[in-house]
Amino acid sequence: MSRRVIKRYPNRRLYDPYDSRYITLKDVHRLVIKGVEVVCRDAHSNTDITRSVLLQVLLDIEQRGKGHLNTQKLHRLIRARGT
């Protein structure tokens, strides 16, 4: 499995240094589907923000009506996480 580091800049744009271009959440989704391990970092602080970006990808999928997380699953997920 290959690994790709994506940088997020303060303007919330995602940059892929491997391809030397800005990418969208859909592009991140495509990379993950292809089996690429995506690691996202804040461009200035170098903080790992992978979880946040991947959650944004899931939210984007759900908002387009192509997801599998119905309200019951979301409730269970929140309850399972507890406090």
C-alpha atoms as a PDB file:
ATOM      1  CA  MET A   1       0.000   0.000   0.000  1.00  0.00           C
ATOM      2  CA  SER A   2       1.418   3.367  -0.954  1.00  0.00           C
ATOM      3  CA  ARG A   3       1.341   6.394   1.318  1.00  0.00           C
ATOM      4  CA  ARG A   4       0.624   9.988   0.360  1.00  0.00           C
ATOM      5  CA  VAL A   5       1.097  13.060   2.550  1.00  0.00           C
ATOM      6  CA  ILE A   6      -1.409  15.821   1.851  1.00  0.00           C
ATOM      7  CA  LYS A   7      -0.916  19.342   3.205  1.00  0.00           C
ATOM      8  CA  ARG A   8      -3.734  21.655   4.230  1.00  0.00           C
ATOM      9  CA  TYR A   9      -3.115  25.357   4.088  1.00  0.00           C
ATOM     10  CA  PRO A  10      -4.858  28.087   6.128  1.00  0.00           C
ATOM     11  CA  ASN A  11      -7.237  28.773   3.229  1.00  0.00           C
ATOM     12  CA  ARG A  12      -8.453  25.165   3.829  1.00  0.00           C
ATOM     13  CA  ARG A  13      -7.119  24.039   0.461  1.00  0.00           C
ATOM     14  CA  LEU A  14      -5.537  20.623   0.263  1.00  0.00           C
ATOM     15  CA  TYR A  15      -2.250  20.272  -1.595  1.00  0.00           C
ATOM     16  CA  ASP A  16      -0.747  17.050  -2.902  1.00  0.00           C
ATOM     17  CA  PRO A  17       3.041  17.518  -3.192  1.00  0.00           C
ATOM     18  CA  TYR A  18       3.334  14.180  -5.015  1.00  0.00           C
ATOM     19  CA  ASP A  19       1.321  15.512  -7.979  1.00  0.00           C
ATOM     20  CA  SER A  20       2.195  19.175  -7.298  1.00  0.00           C
ATOM     21  CA  ARG A  21      -1.435  20.295  -7.353  1.00  0.00           C
ATOM     22  CA  TYR A  22      -4.343  21.306  -5.180  1.00  0.00           C
ATOM     23  CA  ILE A  23      -6.901  18.562  -4.640  1.00  0.00           C
ATOM     24  CA  THR A  24     -10.485  18.256  -3.419  1.00  0.00           C
ATOM     25  CA  LEU A  25     -12.175  15.988  -0.905  1.00  0.00           C
ATOM     26  CA  LYS A  26     -13.340  13.906  -3.874  1.00  0.00           C
ATOM     27  CA  ASP A  27      -9.705  13.448  -4.869  1.00  0.00           C
ATOM     28  CA  VAL A  28      -8.851  12.292  -1.338  1.00  0.00           C
ATOM     29  CA  HIS A  29     -11.781   9.874  -1.553  1.00  0.00           C
ATOM     30  CA  ARG A  30     -10.457   8.477  -4.845  1.00  0.00           C
ATOM     31  CA  LEU A  31      -6.990   7.985  -3.353  1.00  0.00           C
ATOM     32  CA  VAL A  32      -8.404   6.053  -0.405  1.00  0.00           C
ATOM     33  CA  ILE A  33     -10.549   3.892  -2.710  1.00  0.00           C
ATOM     34  CA  LYS A  34      -7.404   3.083  -4.740  1.00  0.00           C
ATOM     35  CA  GLY A  35      -5.747   1.812  -1.549  1.00  0.00           C
ATOM     36  CA  VAL A  36      -3.481   4.788  -0.919  1.00  0.00           C
ATOM     37  CA  GLU A  37      -2.857   5.516   2.762  1.00  0.00           C
ATOM     38  CA  VAL A  38      -3.521   9.243   3.070  1.00  0.00           C
ATOM     39  CA  VAL A  39      -1.834  11.278   5.804  1.00  0.00           C
ATOM     40  CA  CYS A  40      -2.931  14.899   6.128  1.00  0.00           C
ATOM     41  CA  ARG A  41      -0.844  17.542   7.834  1.00  0.00           C
ATOM     42  CA  ASP A  42      -1.347  21.194   8.600  1.00  0.00           C
ATOM     43  CA  ALA A  43       1.123  22.967   6.326  1.00  0.00           C
ATOM     44  CA  HIS A  44       2.343  25.402   9.000  1.00  0.00           C
ATOM     45  CA  SER A  45       2.282  23.466  12.274  1.00  0.00           C
ATOM     46  CA  ASN A  46       2.793  20.009  10.718  1.00  0.00           C
ATOM     47  CA  THR A  47       0.016  18.728  13.015  1.00  0.00           C
ATOM     48  CA  ASP A  48      -1.597  15.466  11.926  1.00  0.00           C
ATOM     49  CA  ILE A  49      -5.140  16.326  10.778  1.00  0.00           C
ATOM     50  CA  THR A  50      -5.833  13.061   8.944  1.00  0.00           C
ATOM     51  CA  ARG A  51      -8.864  12.111  11.049  1.00  0.00           C
ATOM     52  CA  SER A  52     -10.465  15.500  10.509  1.00  0.00           C
ATOM     53  CA  VAL A  53      -9.968  15.388   6.735  1.00  0.00           C
ATOM     54  CA  LEU A  54     -11.220  11.813   6.450  1.00  0.00           C
ATOM     55  CA  LEU A  55     -14.319  12.767   8.450  1.00  0.00           C
ATOM     56  CA  GLN A  56     -14.845  15.645   6.017  1.00  0.00           C
ATOM     57  CA  VAL A  57     -14.614  13.132   3.158  1.00  0.00           C
ATOM     58  CA  LEU A  58     -17.288  10.984   4.828  1.00  0.00           C
ATOM     59  CA  LEU A  59     -19.490  14.031   5.400  1.00  0.00           C
ATOM     60  CA  ASP A  60     -19.094  15.041   1.752  1.00  0.00           C
ATOM     61  CA  ILE A  61     -20.139  11.549   0.626  1.00  0.00           C
ATOM     62  CA  GLU A  62     -23.127  11.568   2.969  1.00  0.00           C
ATOM     63  CA  GLN A  63     -24.264  15.027   1.852  1.00  0.00           C
ATOM     64  CA  ARG A  64     -24.220  13.890  -1.770  1.00  0.00           C
ATOM     65  CA  GLY A  65     -26.594  11.102  -0.779  1.00  0.00           C
ATOM     66  CA  LYS A  66     -24.139   8.323  -1.617  1.00  0.00           C
ATOM     67  CA  GLY A  67     -23.279   7.251   1.900  1.00  0.00           C
ATOM     68  CA  HIS A  68     -24.399   4.429   4.138  1.00  0.00           C
ATOM     69  CA  LEU A  69     -24.652   6.210   7.466  1.00  0.00           C
ATOM     70  CA  ASN A  70     -28.331   6.543   8.271  1.00  0.00           C
ATOM     71  CA  THR A  71     -29.420   8.363  11.422  1.00  0.00           C
ATOM     72  CA  GLN A  72     -29.693   5.123  13.391  1.00  0.00           C
ATOM     73  CA  LYS A  73     -26.071   4.221  12.620  1.00  0.00           C
ATOM     74  CA  LEU A  74     -24.945   7.722  13.522  1.00  0.00           C
ATOM     75  CA  HIS A  75     -26.765   7.545  16.861  1.00  0.00           C
ATOM     76  CA  ARG A  76     -25.129   4.176  17.616  1.00  0.00           C
ATOM     77  CA  LEU A  77     -21.715   5.532  16.665  1.00  0.00           C
ATOM     78  CA  ILE A  78     -22.089   8.520  18.991  1.00  0.00           C
ATOM     79  CA  ARG A  79     -23.360   6.347  21.832  1.00  0.00           C
ATOM     80  CA  ALA A  80     -20.515   3.873  21.344  1.00  0.00           C
ATOM     81  CA  ARG A  81     -17.976   6.692  21.704  1.00  0.00           C
ATOM     82  CA  GLY A  82     -19.519   7.734  25.025  1.00  0.00           C
ATOM     83  CA  THR A  83     -18.205  10.918  26.574  1.00  0.00           C
END
